[in-house]
Amino acid sequence: MNLNILVDAHVFDGKHQGTRTYLKGLYIALFRLCPNWTFFMVAKNTENLEIEFGKHPHVHYLKLTSKNKFKRLLIEFPSIIKKNNIDYAHFQYISPLLKNCKHIVTTHDILFEQKEFRKYFPLKYRLVNGLLFRLSAKRADILLTVSNYSKSKISELYRIPLENIHLTFNGVEKDFYQLNRNYQTEEYIKGKKYILYVSRIEPRKNHITVLRAFFESRIYEKEIKLVFIGSRDINDPLLSDYLNQYQSELQHHVYWLQNVHFQEIKHYYANCSLFVFPSYAEGFGIPVLEAMVFGKRILISNKTAMKDFNLPSELTFDPYDVEELKNKMYNSLFINNNYNFLSLYKEILAKYSWENSAKQLVRVINDYSQ
């Protein structure tokens, strides 16, 4: 079966985020699996798309002209779809109102719709996206999500039958397993022991609990540093107050890094003594898998989608409990345990792979096209 597949890849025109990782991993795997399908990747910066996805005879890069999201969805995408005889168009979260082909929509999470997490999202974001996400999910011909947790919440809150929601898990890119020796961690951290957290900075990501556990346990007195990698996304007043209060202590023991090159981030993972992921709410949690690739000791939140990894309790904690994190950080760093981390992670990494997700999407499309 020959199909024309369009992918809304405008996210590659902006900053790095989970949807970029998802699209890149999923479609590079699909390009290999489906040489008889023709793919149309669409964004403003087509040169960047070609760098990210490479050159393939059955992949075309089409240029967007509009900077306005609504003009792009209302006018430009329907026009591109019609001109190129597209069979399926794949969108993240929000799809065009005009349907002139079948729509695939990936709704990664709807955390902002949950009462307990609404406080972490701006009101305008909740009002606008609450309408658009729900409408796009309900109108999708094929609805995808990335975790069992998100699947259950989309079904519950948008009243969509579970059997109509398909899982395409996140994974880790093949080249993530290879370290480029031309990139190294910065001189000020090279050779030092450090705890690592990779995430955007916003309230639900819970950086403050890691900071409190780090300083209250006085781990820094044992020559351990704390490294945060990620851009500031949504202002966190509590975090800002904490940073202002302990400014002098922070400057000696904590490093905040932004715009770190993909190859360099891998070195931070590979050389850390402990990886933490304390988020209150996640639709998946890709950095957890990335830390597993290097067999690192990890401590992750036991809430929302992080539960899906089904890790032993020694490697998880309640993100609302600073005392538990303090104790487990100390134990992970200074008390030997008998875990074979690579063996423990092997099964998880095999399950959460782009190849598996690409095969699942091919099955769903083929079934729908019958």
Protein backbone atom coordinates (compact mmCIF):
# COMPACT_ATOMS: atom_id res chain seq x y z
CA MET A 1 0.00 0.00 0.00
CA ASN A 2 1.38 3.39 -1.03
CA LEU A 3 0.45 6.33 1.18
CA ASN A 4 1.26 10.03 1.33
CA ILE A 5 1.91 11.05 4.94
CA LEU A 6 2.21 14.71 6.00
CA VAL A 7 3.83 15.62 9.31
CA ASP A 8 3.36 18.99 11.01
CA ALA A 9 6.96 19.53 12.08
CA HIS A 10 6.74 23.24 12.95
CA VAL A 11 7.98 22.38 16.45
CA PHE A 12 11.47 22.08 14.91
CA ASP A 13 11.37 25.83 14.29
CA GLY A 14 11.48 26.45 18.05
CA LYS A 15 13.27 25.29 21.18
CA HIS A 16 13.98 21.68 22.04
CA GLN A 17 11.12 19.88 23.76
CA GLY A 18 9.59 16.44 24.07
CA THR A 19 7.46 16.67 20.92
CA ARG A 20 10.60 17.24 18.84
CA THR A 21 12.20 14.12 20.30
CA TYR A 22 8.99 12.18 19.66
CA LEU A 23 8.63 13.18 16.03
CA LYS A 24 12.29 12.65 15.22
CA GLY A 25 12.52 9.22 16.81
CA LEU A 26 9.19 7.99 15.46
CA TYR A 27 9.64 9.16 11.88
CA ILE A 28 13.26 8.15 11.41
CA ALA A 29 12.08 4.66 12.36
CA LEU A 30 9.07 4.97 10.01
CA PHE A 31 11.29 6.04 7.10
CA ARG A 32 13.13 2.72 7.43
CA LEU A 33 10.00 0.64 7.90
CA CYS A 34 7.94 2.13 5.07
CA PRO A 35 10.08 2.81 1.98
CA ASN A 36 6.95 2.65 -0.18
CA TRP A 37 5.26 5.51 1.69
CA THR A 38 5.98 9.12 0.79
CA PHE A 39 6.53 11.54 3.67
CA PHE A 40 6.09 15.31 3.62
CA MET A 41 7.73 17.03 6.60
CA VAL A 42 6.47 20.61 6.96
CA ALA A 43 8.08 23.54 8.84
CA LYS A 44 9.46 27.02 8.22
CA ASN A 45 13.10 25.96 8.53
CA THR A 46 13.35 23.12 6.02
CA GLU A 47 17.15 23.21 6.12
CA ASN A 48 17.01 22.32 9.81
CA LEU A 49 14.53 19.52 9.09
CA GLU A 50 16.94 18.01 6.59
CA ILE A 51 19.73 18.14 9.17
CA GLU A 52 17.52 16.50 11.80
CA PHE A 53 15.96 13.79 9.61
CA GLY A 54 18.53 13.37 6.82
CA LYS A 55 18.08 12.89 3.10
CA HIS A 56 15.81 10.08 1.92
CA PRO A 57 14.37 9.48 -1.56
CA HIS A 58 10.80 9.15 -0.21
CA VAL A 59 10.95 12.16 2.16
CA HIS A 60 10.20 15.73 1.09
CA TYR A 61 10.63 18.91 3.12
CA LEU A 62 7.96 21.56 2.55
CA LYS A 63 8.25 25.15 3.73
CA LEU A 64 5.65 26.93 5.87
CA THR A 65 5.26 30.65 5.28
CA SER A 66 3.03 31.73 8.17
CA LYS A 67 4.25 32.52 11.68
CA ASN A 68 0.68 32.63 13.00
CA LYS A 69 -0.54 29.34 14.49
CA PHE A 70 -4.17 29.86 13.54
CA LYS A 71 -3.42 30.92 9.96
CA ARG A 72 -1.16 27.89 9.67
CA LEU A 73 -3.90 25.53 10.84
CA LEU A 74 -6.87 27.21 9.14
CA ILE A 75 -5.37 27.99 5.75
CA GLU A 76 -1.84 26.77 5.08
CA PHE A 77 -2.01 23.11 6.12
CA PRO A 78 -5.32 22.39 4.32
CA SER A 79 -3.81 23.94 1.17
CA ILE A 80 -0.61 21.85 1.41
CA ILE A 81 -2.66 18.71 2.07
CA LYS A 82 -4.83 19.27 -1.01
CA LYS A 83 -1.90 20.16 -3.28
CA ASN A 84 0.07 17.02 -2.35
CA ASN A 85 -2.81 14.50 -2.27
CA ILE A 86 -2.12 13.63 1.37
CA ASP A 87 -3.77 10.50 2.77
CA TYR A 88 -2.88 11.05 6.46
CA ALA A 89 -1.70 14.22 8.22
CA HIS A 90 -0.07 13.90 11.64
CA PHE A 91 -0.44 16.73 14.18
CA GLN A 92 0.68 17.18 17.78
CA TYR A 93 -2.21 18.11 20.10
CA ILE A 94 -4.05 20.46 17.69
CA SER A 95 -5.30 19.69 14.17
CA PRO A 96 -6.92 21.94 11.54
CA LEU A 97 -10.68 22.46 11.61
CA LEU A 98 -10.90 21.65 7.91
CA LYS A 99 -10.43 17.94 7.32
CA ASN A 100 -9.46 17.22 3.73
CA CYS A 101 -7.60 14.03 4.62
CA LYS A 102 -7.49 11.63 7.56
CA HIS A 103 -6.02 13.14 10.73
CA ILE A 104 -3.57 11.49 13.10
CA VAL A 105 -3.31 13.39 16.39
CA THR A 106 -0.86 12.69 19.19
CA THR A 107 -2.10 14.06 22.51
CA HIS A 108 0.94 13.57 24.72
CA ASP A 109 -0.83 14.54 27.94
CA ILE A 110 -3.68 16.65 29.28
CA LEU A 111 -2.19 17.37 32.70
CA PHE A 112 -3.62 20.91 32.69
CA GLU A 113 -7.14 19.42 32.58
CA GLN A 114 -6.63 17.61 35.89
CA LYS A 115 -7.83 19.55 38.94
CA GLU A 116 -4.75 18.78 41.01
CA PHE A 117 -2.38 20.17 38.35
CA ARG A 118 -4.26 23.18 37.00
CA LYS A 119 -2.31 25.51 39.28
CA TYR A 120 0.86 24.73 37.31
CA PHE A 121 -0.50 26.14 34.04
CA PRO A 122 -1.52 29.72 33.08
CA LEU A 123 -5.26 30.36 32.81
CA LYS A 124 -5.07 31.37 29.14
CA TYR A 125 -3.21 28.17 28.29
CA ARG A 126 -5.88 26.09 30.03
CA LEU A 127 -8.82 27.86 28.41
CA VAL A 128 -7.51 27.89 24.84
CA ASN A 129 -5.89 24.46 24.80
CA GLY A 130 -8.69 22.86 26.78
CA LEU A 131 -11.01 23.55 23.86
CA LEU A 132 -8.56 22.83 21.04
CA PHE A 133 -7.02 19.66 22.51
CA ARG A 134 -10.43 18.14 23.25
CA LEU A 135 -11.83 18.99 19.81
CA SER A 136 -8.75 17.67 17.99
CA ALA A 137 -8.70 14.44 20.00
CA LYS A 138 -12.38 13.75 19.38
CA ARG A 139 -12.16 14.51 15.64
CA ALA A 140 -9.00 12.48 15.05
CA ASP A 141 -9.26 9.46 12.79
CA ILE A 142 -6.32 7.97 14.66
CA LEU A 143 -5.64 9.21 18.20
CA LEU A 144 -2.24 8.48 19.73
CA THR A 145 -0.65 9.09 23.11
CA VAL A 146 2.65 8.17 24.75
CA SER A 147 1.86 6.47 28.08
CA ASN A 148 -0.74 4.32 29.76
CA TYR A 149 -1.25 7.12 32.25
CA SER A 150 -2.07 9.67 29.54
CA LYS A 151 -4.27 7.15 27.77
CA SER A 152 -6.41 6.62 30.87
CA LYS A 153 -6.74 10.37 31.55
CA ILE A 154 -7.65 11.22 27.95
CA SER A 155 -10.28 8.51 28.00
CA GLU A 156 -11.65 9.66 31.36
CA LEU A 157 -11.68 13.43 30.83
CA TYR A 158 -12.47 13.57 27.10
CA ARG A 159 -14.83 10.59 27.20
CA ILE A 160 -13.09 8.69 24.43
CA PRO A 161 -13.18 4.86 24.58
CA LEU A 162 -9.84 3.36 25.58
CA GLU A 163 -9.85 1.13 22.51
CA ASN A 164 -9.85 4.24 20.31
CA ILE A 165 -6.59 5.53 21.84
CA HIS A 166 -3.36 3.95 20.62
CA LEU A 167 0.03 3.93 22.33
CA THR A 168 3.20 5.09 20.60
CA PHE A 169 5.69 5.20 23.46
CA ASN A 170 8.69 7.50 23.49
CA GLY A 171 12.14 6.00 23.13
CA VAL A 172 15.81 6.92 22.86
CA GLU A 173 17.49 7.75 19.55
CA LYS A 174 20.11 5.28 18.30
CA ASP A 175 22.86 7.88 18.30
CA PHE A 176 22.18 8.65 21.95
CA TYR A 177 24.06 5.44 22.75
CA GLN A 178 27.24 6.80 21.16
CA LEU A 179 29.44 9.38 22.90
CA ASN A 180 31.22 11.92 20.70
CA ARG A 181 34.59 12.56 22.32
CA ASN A 182 34.75 16.03 20.78
CA TYR A 183 32.18 17.16 23.33
CA GLN A 184 32.90 17.19 27.04
CA THR A 185 31.31 18.52 30.19
CA GLU A 186 32.46 22.02 31.15
CA GLU A 187 35.79 22.41 32.93
CA TYR A 188 34.13 23.53 36.16
CA ILE A 189 32.31 20.20 36.50
CA LYS A 190 34.77 17.84 34.80
CA GLY A 191 36.07 15.19 37.18
CA LYS A 192 33.59 16.16 39.92
CA LYS A 193 30.76 14.10 41.36
CA TYR A 194 27.35 15.59 40.67
CA ILE A 195 23.61 14.99 40.74
CA LEU A 196 21.89 15.71 37.42
CA TYR A 197 18.37 16.84 36.52
CA VAL A 198 17.46 17.47 32.86
CA SER A 199 14.18 19.33 32.36
CA ARG A 200 12.57 22.62 31.44
CA ILE A 201 12.21 24.91 34.44
CA GLU A 202 8.58 25.38 35.41
CA PRO A 203 6.54 24.80 38.61
CA ARG A 204 5.42 21.21 37.94
CA LYS A 205 9.00 20.12 37.29
CA ASN A 206 9.70 20.59 41.01
CA HIS A 207 13.30 21.80 41.01
CA ILE A 208 12.78 23.25 44.48
CA THR A 209 12.41 19.84 46.14
CA VAL A 210 15.76 18.72 44.72
CA LEU A 211 17.40 21.93 45.95
CA ARG A 212 15.94 21.55 49.42
CA ALA A 213 16.96 17.90 49.68
CA PHE A 214 20.45 18.72 48.43
CA PHE A 215 21.09 21.51 50.94
CA GLU A 216 19.17 20.17 53.94
CA SER A 217 21.03 16.85 53.72
CA ARG A 218 24.31 18.79 53.38
CA ILE A 219 25.40 16.49 50.57
CA TYR A 220 27.43 19.36 49.14
CA GLU A 221 29.83 18.98 52.09
CA LYS A 222 30.93 15.68 50.52
CA GLU A 223 32.09 17.46 47.34
CA ILE A 224 28.92 16.65 45.41
CA LYS A 225 27.58 19.26 42.97
CA LEU A 226 24.07 19.72 41.58
CA VAL A 227 23.59 20.31 37.83
CA PHE A 228 20.32 21.47 36.24
CA ILE A 229 20.06 21.42 32.44
CA GLY A 230 17.05 23.09 30.83
CA SER A 231 15.55 26.37 29.72
CA ARG A 232 13.21 28.52 31.79
CA ASP A 233 9.67 28.03 30.51
CA ILE A 234 7.03 29.07 33.05
CA ASN A 235 7.91 31.30 36.00
CA ASP A 236 8.03 29.54 39.36
CA PRO A 237 7.67 32.11 42.20
CA LEU A 238 8.53 29.59 44.95
CA LEU A 239 11.71 28.59 43.17
CA SER A 240 12.65 32.23 42.57
CA ASP A 241 12.20 33.04 46.26
CA TYR A 242 14.36 30.09 47.26
CA LEU A 243 17.10 31.08 44.82
CA ASN A 244 17.12 34.64 46.13
CA GLN A 245 17.27 33.47 49.74
CA TYR A 246 20.20 31.09 49.24
CA GLN A 247 22.05 32.90 46.49
CA SER A 248 25.52 32.68 48.02
CA GLU A 249 25.28 28.94 48.76
CA LEU A 250 23.91 28.19 45.31
CA GLN A 251 26.71 29.85 43.41
CA HIS A 252 29.29 27.48 44.89
CA HIS A 253 27.44 24.19 44.58
CA VAL A 254 24.71 24.42 41.90
CA TYR A 255 25.05 24.89 38.13
CA TRP A 256 22.19 25.98 35.85
CA LEU A 257 22.85 25.24 32.18
CA GLN A 258 20.81 26.22 29.13
CA ASN A 259 21.21 25.58 25.39
CA VAL A 260 23.50 22.62 25.95
CA HIS A 261 24.35 20.79 22.73
CA PHE A 262 22.75 17.37 22.27
CA GLN A 263 26.17 15.67 22.13
CA GLU A 264 27.32 17.46 25.28
CA ILE A 265 24.19 16.50 27.25
CA LYS A 266 25.12 12.85 26.75
CA HIS A 267 28.39 13.46 28.57
CA TYR A 268 26.53 14.99 31.50
CA TYR A 269 24.40 11.86 31.70
CA ALA A 270 27.39 9.53 31.32
CA ASN A 271 29.42 11.21 34.07
CA CYS A 272 26.79 11.97 36.71
CA SER A 273 26.77 10.11 40.04
CA LEU A 274 22.97 10.21 40.31
CA PHE A 275 20.12 11.26 38.03
CA VAL A 276 16.97 12.65 39.64
CA PHE A 277 13.57 13.31 38.10
CA PRO A 278 11.27 14.83 40.76
CA SER A 279 8.41 16.10 38.56
CA TYR A 280 4.95 16.33 40.10
CA ALA A 281 3.26 15.58 36.79
CA GLU A 282 4.44 14.09 33.47
CA GLY A 283 2.89 12.60 30.38
CA PHE A 284 6.01 10.45 29.96
CA GLY A 285 9.52 11.49 31.07
CA ILE A 286 12.06 10.92 28.27
CA PRO A 287 15.12 12.00 30.34
CA VAL A 288 14.55 8.97 32.58
CA LEU A 289 15.16 6.67 29.60
CA GLU A 290 18.19 8.70 28.57
CA ALA A 291 19.76 8.21 32.01
CA MET A 292 19.01 4.48 31.78
CA VAL A 293 20.98 4.23 28.53
CA PHE A 294 24.14 4.95 30.53
CA GLY A 295 23.17 2.65 33.39
CA LYS A 296 23.05 5.51 35.89
CA ARG A 297 21.67 5.37 39.39
CA ILE A 298 18.31 7.11 39.23
CA LEU A 299 15.67 8.44 41.58
CA ILE A 300 12.39 9.37 39.97
CA SER A 301 8.98 10.58 41.06
CA ASN A 302 6.40 7.85 41.65
CA LYS A 303 3.51 9.98 40.36
CA THR A 304 1.59 10.14 37.05
CA ALA A 305 3.30 8.59 33.98
CA MET A 306 6.54 7.82 35.84
CA LYS A 307 4.72 4.94 37.51
CA ASP A 308 4.56 3.22 34.13
CA PHE A 309 8.28 2.41 34.30
CA ASN A 310 7.48 0.02 37.18
CA LEU A 311 10.78 0.56 38.97
CA PRO A 312 11.63 -0.85 42.42
CA SER A 313 10.58 1.39 45.30
CA GLU A 314 14.24 2.08 46.15
CA LEU A 315 14.53 4.02 42.89
CA THR A 316 11.36 6.09 43.30
CA PHE A 317 10.07 8.67 45.76
CA ASP A 318 7.08 10.86 46.55
CA PRO A 319 7.90 14.27 44.98
CA TYR A 320 5.99 16.00 47.76
CA ASP A 321 8.17 14.39 50.46
CA VAL A 322 11.51 16.16 50.89
CA GLU A 323 12.58 13.84 53.71
CA GLU A 324 12.16 10.75 51.55
CA LEU A 325 14.22 12.29 48.78
CA LYS A 326 16.94 13.33 51.23
CA ASN A 327 17.25 9.79 52.57
CA LYS A 328 17.19 8.12 49.18
CA MET A 329 19.67 10.55 47.65
CA TYR A 330 22.11 9.83 50.48
CA ASN A 331 21.61 6.06 50.17
CA SER A 332 22.04 6.14 46.39
CA LEU A 333 25.24 8.14 46.59
CA PHE A 334 26.98 6.67 49.62
CA ILE A 335 25.54 3.27 50.52
CA ASN A 336 26.27 0.33 48.23
CA ASN A 337 23.35 -1.64 46.87
CA ASN A 338 23.16 -4.82 44.83
CA TYR A 339 21.31 -3.52 41.81
CA ASN A 340 22.64 -4.38 38.40
CA PHE A 341 21.35 -1.19 36.82
CA LEU A 342 22.06 -2.10 33.19
CA SER A 343 20.24 -5.40 33.61
CA LEU A 344 17.33 -3.68 35.33
CA TYR A 345 17.01 -1.09 32.57
CA LYS A 346 17.50 -3.47 29.63
CA GLU A 347 13.90 -4.69 29.61
CA ILE A 348 12.53 -1.16 30.01
CA LEU A 349 14.62 0.22 27.13
CA ALA A 350 13.56 -2.70 24.92
CA LYS A 351 9.90 -1.89 25.56
CA TYR A 352 10.21 1.86 25.05
CA SER A 353 11.78 1.98 21.60
CA TRP A 354 11.05 4.03 18.49
CA GLU A 355 11.04 0.87 16.38
CA ASN A 356 8.23 -0.62 18.47
CA SER A 357 6.23 2.60 18.30
CA ALA A 358 6.74 2.93 14.54
CA LYS A 359 5.55 -0.66 14.03
CA GLN A 360 2.50 0.07 16.18
CA LEU A 361 1.62 3.15 14.12
CA VAL A 362 2.01 1.21 10.87
CA ARG A 363 -0.37 -1.46 12.22
CA VAL A 364 -2.94 1.14 13.24
CA ILE A 365 -2.76 2.94 9.87
CA ASN A 366 -3.01 -0.33 7.96
CA ASP A 367 -6.02 -1.42 10.03
CA TYR A 368 -7.72 1.94 9.54
CA SER A 369 -7.03 1.86 5.79
CA GLN A 370 -8.61 -1.57 5.27
